[in-house]
Amino acid sequence: MMLRSEKKTAKDVYLYDSIGSDKEGNEINLIDVIEYTDEDVVERVTLEDNTVRLEGFIEKSLSPREKDIIRMRYGLGGGKEKTQREIAAIYGISRSYVSRIEKKALEKLRKCYDS
């Protein structure tokens, strides 16, 4: 019976169990590598609200090219953020021209937020 009892608890894992050591020889526990983020619900709702407002401003005030560049540059709509060089290669224009388009589009969006 004792062997059966120990067999059931043999697979138990505790947060303070050692799982190895780092390069400096310090012991690492399971609790050290598990990340817990205390999600702030108010902050998440505010972010979602601001994202919806931003999408509305983008649709209302930017040209199609400006929309594409802003979305690619900042990873809006679930895409991956791209550098100005990557966007320039996609459009076949210079990086500095992408920068000017981005700056102009951001200024338009800033005016929308201010009004």
N, C-alpha and C. Protein backbone atom coordinates (compact mmCIF):
# COMPACT_ATOMS: atom_id res chain seq x y z
N MET A 1 0.81 -1.20 0.00
CA MET A 1 0.00 0.00 0.00
C MET A 1 0.86 1.26 0.00
N MET A 2 1.95 1.20 0.76
CA MET A 2 2.83 2.35 0.82
C MET A 2 3.42 2.65 -0.56
N LEU A 3 3.79 1.62 -1.30
CA LEU A 3 4.35 1.81 -2.64
C LEU A 3 3.31 2.42 -3.59
N ARG A 4 2.08 1.99 -3.50
CA ARG A 4 1.02 2.57 -4.32
C ARG A 4 0.80 4.03 -3.98
N SER A 5 0.83 4.35 -2.71
CA SER A 5 0.64 5.72 -2.25
C SER A 5 1.75 6.62 -2.76
N GLU A 6 2.97 6.16 -2.70
CA GLU A 6 4.11 6.95 -3.18
C GLU A 6 4.12 7.08 -4.69
N LYS A 7 3.62 6.08 -5.39
CA LYS A 7 3.57 6.11 -6.84
C LYS A 7 2.62 7.23 -7.32
N LYS A 8 1.52 7.42 -6.59
CA LYS A 8 0.57 8.46 -6.96
C LYS A 8 1.16 9.86 -6.79
N THR A 9 1.99 10.03 -5.77
CA THR A 9 2.56 11.36 -5.52
C THR A 9 3.90 11.55 -6.21
N ALA A 10 4.42 10.54 -6.88
CA ALA A 10 5.73 10.65 -7.52
C ALA A 10 5.72 11.64 -8.68
N LYS A 11 4.56 11.86 -9.28
CA LYS A 11 4.47 12.76 -10.43
C LYS A 11 4.05 14.17 -10.04
N ASP A 12 3.86 14.41 -8.76
CA ASP A 12 3.49 15.74 -8.31
C ASP A 12 4.65 16.71 -8.54
N VAL A 13 4.31 17.91 -8.93
CA VAL A 13 5.30 18.96 -9.18
C VAL A 13 4.97 20.12 -8.26
N TYR A 14 5.99 20.65 -7.61
CA TYR A 14 5.82 21.77 -6.70
C TYR A 14 6.53 23.00 -7.25
N LEU A 15 5.98 24.16 -6.97
CA LEU A 15 6.54 25.40 -7.50
C LEU A 15 7.98 25.65 -7.05
N TYR A 16 8.33 25.16 -5.89
CA TYR A 16 9.68 25.42 -5.38
C TYR A 16 10.64 24.27 -5.66
N ASP A 17 10.25 23.31 -6.52
CA ASP A 17 11.16 22.24 -6.92
C ASP A 17 12.25 22.83 -7.82
N SER A 18 13.44 22.36 -7.65
CA SER A 18 14.55 22.80 -8.48
C SER A 18 14.41 22.19 -9.87
N ILE A 19 14.57 23.00 -10.90
CA ILE A 19 14.50 22.48 -12.26
C ILE A 19 15.82 22.65 -12.99
N GLY A 20 16.84 23.11 -12.29
CA GLY A 20 18.15 23.26 -12.90
C GLY A 20 18.86 24.45 -12.31
N SER A 21 19.87 24.91 -13.05
CA SER A 21 20.63 26.07 -12.60
C SER A 21 20.96 26.94 -13.80
N ASP A 22 21.21 28.22 -13.52
CA ASP A 22 21.55 29.14 -14.60
C ASP A 22 23.05 29.11 -14.86
N LYS A 23 23.53 29.96 -15.75
CA LYS A 23 24.95 29.99 -16.13
C LYS A 23 25.86 30.31 -14.96
N GLU A 24 25.33 31.02 -14.00
CA GLU A 24 26.14 31.42 -12.84
C GLU A 24 26.08 30.39 -11.71
N GLY A 25 25.34 29.31 -11.92
CA GLY A 25 25.25 28.26 -10.92
C GLY A 25 24.13 28.45 -9.91
N ASN A 26 23.32 29.47 -10.08
CA ASN A 26 22.20 29.69 -9.17
C ASN A 26 21.08 28.70 -9.47
N GLU A 27 20.46 28.20 -8.42
CA GLU A 27 19.36 27.24 -8.58
C GLU A 27 18.13 27.95 -9.14
N ILE A 28 17.48 27.32 -10.09
CA ILE A 28 16.25 27.87 -10.68
C ILE A 28 15.10 26.99 -10.25
N ASN A 29 14.07 27.61 -9.69
CA ASN A 29 12.86 26.91 -9.28
C ASN A 29 11.79 27.11 -10.34
N LEU A 30 10.80 26.25 -10.32
CA LEU A 30 9.70 26.36 -11.28
C LEU A 30 9.00 27.70 -11.16
N ILE A 31 8.85 28.20 -9.95
CA ILE A 31 8.17 29.48 -9.75
C ILE A 31 8.93 30.64 -10.40
N ASP A 32 10.26 30.46 -10.56
CA ASP A 32 11.07 31.51 -11.18
C ASP A 32 10.78 31.66 -12.67
N VAL A 33 10.37 30.58 -13.33
CA VAL A 33 10.18 30.64 -14.78
C VAL A 33 8.73 30.78 -15.20
N ILE A 34 7.80 30.55 -14.27
CA ILE A 34 6.38 30.73 -14.59
C ILE A 34 6.06 32.21 -14.48
N GLU A 35 5.52 32.75 -15.56
CA GLU A 35 5.21 34.18 -15.57
C GLU A 35 3.72 34.36 -15.32
N TYR A 36 3.43 35.21 -14.37
CA TYR A 36 2.04 35.55 -14.08
C TYR A 36 1.89 37.04 -14.29
N THR A 37 1.01 37.41 -15.18
CA THR A 37 0.75 38.82 -15.40
C THR A 37 -0.62 39.13 -14.83
N ASP A 38 -0.64 40.07 -13.95
CA ASP A 38 -1.90 40.49 -13.34
C ASP A 38 -2.55 41.45 -14.33
N GLU A 39 -3.52 40.95 -15.08
CA GLU A 39 -4.14 41.73 -16.14
C GLU A 39 -5.08 42.78 -15.55
N ASP A 40 -4.88 43.99 -15.99
CA ASP A 40 -5.73 45.09 -15.56
C ASP A 40 -6.88 45.20 -16.55
N VAL A 41 -8.07 44.87 -16.11
CA VAL A 41 -9.25 44.83 -16.98
C VAL A 41 -9.57 46.22 -17.52
N VAL A 42 -9.46 47.23 -16.68
CA VAL A 42 -9.76 48.60 -17.11
C VAL A 42 -8.79 49.02 -18.22
N GLU A 43 -7.52 48.69 -18.04
CA GLU A 43 -6.51 49.04 -19.04
C GLU A 43 -6.78 48.32 -20.35
N ARG A 44 -7.17 47.05 -20.29
CA ARG A 44 -7.45 46.28 -21.50
C ARG A 44 -8.65 46.86 -22.24
N VAL A 45 -9.71 47.21 -21.52
CA VAL A 45 -10.91 47.78 -22.14
C VAL A 45 -10.58 49.13 -22.76
N THR A 46 -9.79 49.93 -22.07
CA THR A 46 -9.38 51.23 -22.60
C THR A 46 -8.58 51.06 -23.88
N LEU A 47 -7.66 50.10 -23.89
CA LEU A 47 -6.86 49.83 -25.08
C LEU A 47 -7.73 49.40 -26.25
N GLU A 48 -8.68 48.50 -25.99
CA GLU A 48 -9.59 48.05 -27.04
C GLU A 48 -10.44 49.20 -27.58
N ASP A 49 -10.91 50.07 -26.69
CA ASP A 49 -11.71 51.22 -27.10
C ASP A 49 -10.88 52.17 -27.97
N ASN A 50 -9.64 52.43 -27.53
CA ASN A 50 -8.76 53.31 -28.30
C ASN A 50 -8.41 52.71 -29.66
N THR A 51 -8.26 51.39 -29.72
CA THR A 51 -7.95 50.73 -30.98
C THR A 51 -9.11 50.87 -31.96
N VAL A 52 -10.33 50.71 -31.46
CA VAL A 52 -11.51 50.87 -32.31
C VAL A 52 -11.61 52.31 -32.81
N ARG A 53 -11.37 53.28 -31.93
CA ARG A 53 -11.40 54.69 -32.34
C ARG A 53 -10.34 54.97 -33.40
N LEU A 54 -9.13 54.42 -33.18
CA LEU A 54 -8.04 54.61 -34.13
C LEU A 54 -8.39 54.04 -35.50
N GLU A 55 -8.97 52.84 -35.52
CA GLU A 55 -9.37 52.24 -36.80
C GLU A 55 -10.39 53.12 -37.52
N GLY A 56 -11.31 53.71 -36.76
CA GLY A 56 -12.29 54.61 -37.36
C GLY A 56 -11.63 55.84 -37.96
N PHE A 57 -10.67 56.41 -37.23
CA PHE A 57 -9.94 57.58 -37.73
C PHE A 57 -9.12 57.23 -38.97
N ILE A 58 -8.52 56.05 -38.97
CA ILE A 58 -7.72 55.62 -40.12
C ILE A 58 -8.62 55.52 -41.35
N GLU A 59 -9.78 54.88 -41.20
CA GLU A 59 -10.70 54.71 -42.33
C GLU A 59 -11.24 56.05 -42.83
N LYS A 60 -11.51 56.95 -41.89
CA LYS A 60 -12.16 58.22 -42.24
C LYS A 60 -11.20 59.23 -42.86
N SER A 61 -9.96 59.29 -42.38
CA SER A 61 -9.12 60.42 -42.74
C SER A 61 -7.90 60.12 -43.60
N LEU A 62 -7.54 58.86 -43.82
CA LEU A 62 -6.32 58.57 -44.57
C LEU A 62 -6.62 58.04 -45.96
N SER A 63 -5.67 58.29 -46.87
CA SER A 63 -5.76 57.74 -48.22
C SER A 63 -5.44 56.24 -48.16
N PRO A 64 -5.79 55.49 -49.20
CA PRO A 64 -5.50 54.05 -49.18
C PRO A 64 -4.01 53.73 -48.95
N ARG A 65 -3.14 54.48 -49.56
CA ARG A 65 -1.69 54.24 -49.38
C ARG A 65 -1.27 54.54 -47.95
N GLU A 66 -1.76 55.64 -47.40
CA GLU A 66 -1.44 55.99 -46.02
C GLU A 66 -1.95 54.93 -45.05
N LYS A 67 -3.18 54.43 -45.31
CA LYS A 67 -3.74 53.37 -44.47
C LYS A 67 -2.83 52.15 -44.46
N ASP A 68 -2.43 51.72 -45.65
CA ASP A 68 -1.58 50.53 -45.75
C ASP A 68 -0.26 50.74 -45.03
N ILE A 69 0.34 51.88 -45.23
CA ILE A 69 1.65 52.15 -44.62
C ILE A 69 1.54 52.19 -43.10
N ILE A 70 0.54 52.87 -42.57
CA ILE A 70 0.36 52.93 -41.11
C ILE A 70 0.08 51.54 -40.54
N ARG A 71 -0.77 50.78 -41.20
CA ARG A 71 -1.08 49.43 -40.71
C ARG A 71 0.16 48.52 -40.73
N MET A 72 0.93 48.60 -41.80
CA MET A 72 2.15 47.78 -41.88
C MET A 72 3.19 48.25 -40.87
N ARG A 73 3.34 49.55 -40.75
CA ARG A 73 4.39 50.11 -39.89
C ARG A 73 4.17 49.76 -38.42
N TYR A 74 2.91 49.78 -37.98
CA TYR A 74 2.61 49.56 -36.56
C TYR A 74 1.95 48.22 -36.27
N GLY A 75 1.83 47.37 -37.28
CA GLY A 75 1.28 46.04 -37.06
C GLY A 75 -0.19 46.04 -36.70
N LEU A 76 -0.94 47.02 -37.19
CA LEU A 76 -2.38 47.08 -36.90
C LEU A 76 -3.12 46.03 -37.71
N GLY A 77 -4.22 45.55 -37.19
CA GLY A 77 -5.00 44.55 -37.88
C GLY A 77 -4.41 43.16 -37.78
N GLY A 78 -3.57 42.93 -36.78
CA GLY A 78 -3.01 41.60 -36.57
C GLY A 78 -1.76 41.30 -37.36
N GLY A 79 -1.29 42.24 -38.15
CA GLY A 79 -0.08 42.01 -38.93
C GLY A 79 1.18 42.24 -38.12
N LYS A 80 2.31 41.89 -38.72
CA LYS A 80 3.60 42.07 -38.07
C LYS A 80 4.12 43.47 -38.40
N GLU A 81 4.73 44.13 -37.42
CA GLU A 81 5.30 45.45 -37.66
C GLU A 81 6.41 45.35 -38.70
N LYS A 82 6.43 46.30 -39.61
CA LYS A 82 7.47 46.33 -40.63
C LYS A 82 8.29 47.61 -40.51
N THR A 83 9.53 47.54 -40.92
CA THR A 83 10.39 48.72 -40.91
C THR A 83 10.06 49.58 -42.13
N GLN A 84 10.55 50.82 -42.09
CA GLN A 84 10.35 51.70 -43.25
C GLN A 84 11.03 51.12 -44.49
N ARG A 85 12.16 50.48 -44.30
CA ARG A 85 12.86 49.86 -45.44
C ARG A 85 12.05 48.74 -46.07
N GLU A 86 11.42 47.90 -45.22
CA GLU A 86 10.59 46.82 -45.74
C GLU A 86 9.40 47.36 -46.51
N ILE A 87 8.77 48.40 -45.99
CA ILE A 87 7.62 49.01 -46.67
C ILE A 87 8.06 49.65 -47.97
N ALA A 88 9.21 50.31 -47.96
CA ALA A 88 9.74 50.93 -49.17
C ALA A 88 9.97 49.88 -50.26
N ALA A 89 10.49 48.72 -49.87
CA ALA A 89 10.72 47.65 -50.84
C ALA A 89 9.40 47.13 -51.41
N ILE A 90 8.38 47.04 -50.60
CA ILE A 90 7.07 46.58 -51.06
C ILE A 90 6.47 47.54 -52.09
N TYR A 91 6.57 48.84 -51.80
CA TYR A 91 5.99 49.86 -52.69
C TYR A 91 6.93 50.31 -53.80
N GLY A 92 8.20 49.95 -53.71
CA GLY A 92 9.16 50.38 -54.73
C GLY A 92 9.47 51.87 -54.64
N ILE A 93 9.48 52.39 -53.41
CA ILE A 93 9.80 53.80 -53.19
C ILE A 93 10.94 53.89 -52.18
N SER A 94 11.44 55.09 -51.94
CA SER A 94 12.55 55.25 -51.00
C SER A 94 12.06 55.20 -49.56
N ARG A 95 12.97 54.87 -48.66
CA ARG A 95 12.65 54.84 -47.24
C ARG A 95 12.26 56.22 -46.75
N SER A 96 12.92 57.25 -47.25
CA SER A 96 12.60 58.61 -46.81
C SER A 96 11.19 59.02 -47.25
N TYR A 97 10.75 58.53 -48.42
CA TYR A 97 9.40 58.83 -48.87
C TYR A 97 8.37 58.14 -47.97
N VAL A 98 8.66 56.89 -47.56
CA VAL A 98 7.79 56.20 -46.61
C VAL A 98 7.72 57.00 -45.32
N SER A 99 8.85 57.52 -44.87
CA SER A 99 8.89 58.32 -43.65
C SER A 99 8.01 59.55 -43.77
N ARG A 100 8.05 60.23 -44.93
CA ARG A 100 7.23 61.43 -45.13
C ARG A 100 5.74 61.07 -45.14
N ILE A 101 5.40 59.96 -45.81
CA ILE A 101 3.99 59.54 -45.85
C ILE A 101 3.52 59.20 -44.44
N GLU A 102 4.35 58.48 -43.69
CA GLU A 102 4.00 58.10 -42.32
C GLU A 102 3.81 59.34 -41.45
N LYS A 103 4.71 60.29 -41.56
CA LYS A 103 4.63 61.51 -40.76
C LYS A 103 3.35 62.29 -41.08
N LYS A 104 3.02 62.40 -42.36
CA LYS A 104 1.83 63.10 -42.79
C LYS A 104 0.57 62.40 -42.27
N ALA A 105 0.55 61.05 -42.35
CA ALA A 105 -0.60 60.28 -41.88
C ALA A 105 -0.76 60.41 -40.37
N LEU A 106 0.33 60.36 -39.64
CA LEU A 106 0.25 60.49 -38.18
C LEU A 106 -0.25 61.87 -37.78
N GLU A 107 0.13 62.88 -38.53
CA GLU A 107 -0.36 64.24 -38.25
C GLU A 107 -1.87 64.32 -38.47
N LYS A 108 -2.37 63.68 -39.54
CA LYS A 108 -3.81 63.65 -39.78
C LYS A 108 -4.53 62.95 -38.62
N LEU A 109 -3.97 61.82 -38.17
CA LEU A 109 -4.59 61.08 -37.06
C LEU A 109 -4.57 61.88 -35.77
N ARG A 110 -3.48 62.61 -35.55
CA ARG A 110 -3.38 63.45 -34.36
C ARG A 110 -4.47 64.53 -34.36
N LYS A 111 -4.72 65.12 -35.53
CA LYS A 111 -5.78 66.13 -35.64
C LYS A 111 -7.14 65.52 -35.36
N CYS A 112 -7.37 64.28 -35.81
CA CYS A 112 -8.64 63.61 -35.52
C CYS A 112 -8.82 63.40 -34.03
N TYR A 113 -7.75 63.00 -33.33
CA TYR A 113 -7.85 62.79 -31.88
C TYR A 113 -8.08 64.10 -31.14
N ASP A 114 -7.47 65.17 -31.63
CA ASP A 114 -7.62 66.46 -30.94
C ASP A 114 -9.02 67.05 -31.10
N SER A 115 -9.67 66.73 -32.21
CA SER A 115 -11.00 67.30 -32.44
C SER A 115 -12.11 66.46 -31.88
